[in-house]
Amino acid sequence: MVIENLTSKIDLIIASQNSREEKLQEICNYLKSEVPYYDWVGFYFKNGDKEELKLAQYAGEETEHTIIPFGKGICGQVAVSNENFVVQDVSEQDNYISCGWKVKSEIVIPIFMNGENIGQIDIDSHTLNPFSEEDERLLEYICKEITVFL
């Protein structure tokens, strides 16, 4: 993966005149198509004043996890910890919400706006141990840059 190639396309998506929802969907579709081990890519955002996350745009198989309580699963834990969470093998996680038998690993990066954790990008992979610091840097970049249109 060459981050510079991916970020330049992300920059074009962000700069487009599309709606917020279209941009987020385009980012999901692009990442899923360009990174072979990104099998599900989605955005979750805080659901109003509730202590839960609500699924927004995503690319990949349908999920029943459209609402995730804070603290539950990897996404819910990131909503509380405000820190990146990289899980190279989901079978080793006690507090994991299974999105399907094919999912072997997950990475979740929070999105901050004005110092507040407002959501996250969530990536599921059908591959064990696929994520590197390069993935974290790419996803952190996306989470930072999308705040211009959120």
Protein backbone atom coordinates (compact mmCIF):
# COMPACT_ATOMS: atom_id res chain seq x y z
CA MET A 1 0.00 0.00 0.00
CA VAL A 2 1.32 3.40 -0.95
CA ILE A 3 -0.32 5.94 1.34
CA GLU A 4 0.46 8.91 -0.90
CA ASN A 5 -1.50 7.39 -3.80
CA LEU A 6 -4.48 6.67 -1.56
CA THR A 7 -4.47 10.04 0.20
CA SER A 8 -4.36 11.98 -3.06
CA LYS A 9 -7.58 10.26 -4.20
CA ILE A 10 -9.12 10.81 -0.74
CA ASP A 11 -8.26 14.52 -1.07
CA LEU A 12 -10.11 14.64 -4.41
CA ILE A 13 -13.17 12.97 -2.88
CA ILE A 14 -13.16 15.44 0.02
CA ALA A 15 -12.76 18.42 -2.33
CA SER A 16 -15.67 17.32 -4.54
CA GLN A 17 -19.01 19.09 -4.54
CA ASN A 18 -20.81 15.93 -3.43
CA SER A 19 -22.91 15.78 -0.27
CA ARG A 20 -21.49 14.65 3.06
CA GLU A 21 -23.12 11.23 2.64
CA GLU A 22 -21.85 10.82 -0.92
CA LYS A 23 -18.30 11.69 0.13
CA LEU A 24 -18.33 9.23 3.03
CA GLN A 25 -19.75 6.51 0.78
CA GLU A 26 -17.16 7.22 -1.89
CA ILE A 27 -14.36 6.95 0.70
CA CYS A 28 -15.73 3.60 1.89
CA ASN A 29 -16.03 2.26 -1.65
CA TYR A 30 -12.58 3.51 -2.61
CA LEU A 31 -10.79 2.03 0.41
CA LYS A 32 -12.56 -1.31 0.05
CA SER A 33 -11.64 -1.52 -3.63
CA GLU A 34 -8.03 -0.34 -3.28
CA VAL A 35 -6.80 -2.15 -0.18
CA PRO A 36 -7.15 -5.91 -0.72
CA TYR A 37 -7.52 -6.79 2.97
CA TYR A 38 -10.16 -4.09 3.70
CA ASP A 39 -13.24 -6.32 3.43
CA TRP A 40 -15.66 -3.98 5.20
CA VAL A 41 -15.23 -0.22 5.57
CA GLY A 42 -17.70 1.93 7.46
CA PHE A 43 -18.29 5.07 9.44
CA TYR A 44 -20.07 5.19 12.78
CA PHE A 45 -21.08 8.47 14.41
CA LYS A 46 -22.33 9.37 17.85
CA ASN A 47 -26.13 9.09 17.83
CA GLY A 48 -27.23 12.52 19.06
CA ASP A 49 -27.00 12.76 22.84
CA LYS A 50 -27.24 9.00 23.31
CA GLU A 51 -24.31 6.95 24.56
CA GLU A 52 -24.25 4.94 21.36
CA LEU A 53 -22.88 4.90 17.84
CA LYS A 54 -25.02 4.78 14.72
CA LEU A 55 -23.86 3.28 11.45
CA ALA A 56 -23.59 5.76 8.59
CA GLN A 57 -22.07 4.91 5.21
CA TYR A 58 -20.26 1.63 4.60
CA ALA A 59 -19.00 -0.72 1.89
CA GLY A 60 -19.15 -4.47 2.33
CA GLU A 61 -21.61 -7.04 3.56
CA GLU A 62 -24.76 -5.91 5.37
CA THR A 63 -24.43 -5.74 9.13
CA GLU A 64 -27.00 -5.99 11.88
CA HIS A 65 -24.79 -3.76 14.03
CA THR A 66 -26.36 -0.44 13.09
CA ILE A 67 -26.42 0.77 16.72
CA ILE A 68 -23.51 0.04 19.06
CA PRO A 69 -23.62 1.06 22.75
CA PHE A 70 -20.56 2.86 24.09
CA GLY A 71 -18.18 0.33 25.63
CA LYS A 72 -19.53 -2.65 23.61
CA GLY A 73 -17.28 -4.26 21.02
CA ILE A 74 -14.24 -2.66 19.42
CA CYS A 75 -16.17 0.37 18.13
CA GLY A 76 -17.90 0.94 21.46
CA GLN A 77 -14.58 0.74 23.28
CA VAL A 78 -13.03 3.36 20.98
CA ALA A 79 -16.00 5.65 21.69
CA VAL A 80 -14.97 5.51 25.38
CA SER A 81 -11.16 5.32 25.15
CA ASN A 82 -10.72 7.92 22.37
CA GLU A 83 -7.79 5.87 21.11
CA ASN A 84 -7.03 3.80 18.02
CA PHE A 85 -7.78 0.13 18.47
CA VAL A 86 -6.03 -2.43 16.28
CA VAL A 87 -7.12 -6.05 16.71
CA GLN A 88 -5.00 -8.41 14.64
CA ASP A 89 -7.03 -11.47 15.75
CA VAL A 90 -10.61 -10.88 16.89
CA SER A 91 -10.78 -14.34 18.47
CA GLU A 92 -8.45 -13.03 21.19
CA GLN A 93 -10.87 -10.24 22.18
CA ASP A 94 -13.38 -10.86 24.97
CA ASN A 95 -15.42 -7.73 24.22
CA TYR A 96 -15.87 -8.32 20.49
CA ILE A 97 -19.12 -8.09 18.55
CA SER A 98 -18.96 -10.57 15.69
CA CYS A 99 -20.03 -9.17 12.35
CA GLY A 100 -19.62 -12.50 10.63
CA TRP A 101 -17.58 -15.66 10.72
CA LYS A 102 -15.23 -14.38 8.00
CA VAL A 103 -13.97 -11.41 10.04
CA LYS A 104 -10.54 -12.16 11.47
CA SER A 105 -9.23 -8.68 12.37
CA GLU A 106 -10.43 -5.11 12.85
CA ILE A 107 -9.05 -1.60 13.10
CA VAL A 108 -11.01 1.36 14.45
CA ILE A 109 -9.80 4.96 14.41
CA PRO A 110 -11.72 7.77 16.18
CA ILE A 111 -12.80 10.98 14.46
CA PHE A 112 -12.31 14.15 16.50
CA MET A 113 -13.95 17.50 15.89
CA ASN A 114 -13.12 20.40 18.19
CA GLY A 115 -11.50 17.93 20.59
CA GLU A 116 -14.62 15.73 20.82
CA ASN A 117 -14.82 12.12 19.62
CA ILE A 118 -17.76 12.31 17.18
CA GLY A 119 -17.37 8.97 15.44
CA GLN A 120 -14.96 6.56 13.84
CA ILE A 121 -13.90 4.66 10.81
CA ASP A 122 -14.11 0.91 11.19
CA ILE A 123 -12.34 -1.64 8.97
CA ASP A 124 -12.93 -5.39 9.11
CA SER A 125 -10.61 -7.85 7.41
CA HIS A 126 -10.96 -11.52 6.56
CA THR A 127 -7.18 -11.81 7.00
CA LEU A 128 -5.35 -12.40 10.28
CA ASN A 129 -2.76 -9.79 11.30
CA PRO A 130 -3.01 -7.53 8.23
CA PHE A 131 -2.81 -4.06 9.79
CA SER A 132 0.36 -2.00 10.08
CA GLU A 133 1.32 1.48 11.24
CA GLU A 134 0.79 2.53 7.62
CA ASP A 135 -2.90 1.60 7.93
CA GLU A 136 -3.17 3.62 11.13
CA ARG A 137 -1.53 6.64 9.49
CA LEU A 138 -3.82 6.42 6.45
CA LEU A 139 -6.98 6.13 8.53
CA GLU A 140 -5.89 8.88 10.94
CA TYR A 141 -5.32 11.12 7.93
CA ILE A 142 -8.82 10.38 6.61
CA CYS A 143 -10.42 10.96 10.02
CA LYS A 144 -8.66 14.32 10.31
CA GLU A 145 -9.39 15.49 6.76
CA ILE A 146 -13.11 14.60 6.64
CA THR A 147 -13.87 17.00 9.49
CA VAL A 148 -13.84 19.84 6.92
CA PHE A 149 -17.25 18.68 5.65
CA LEU A 150 -18.82 17.05 8.71
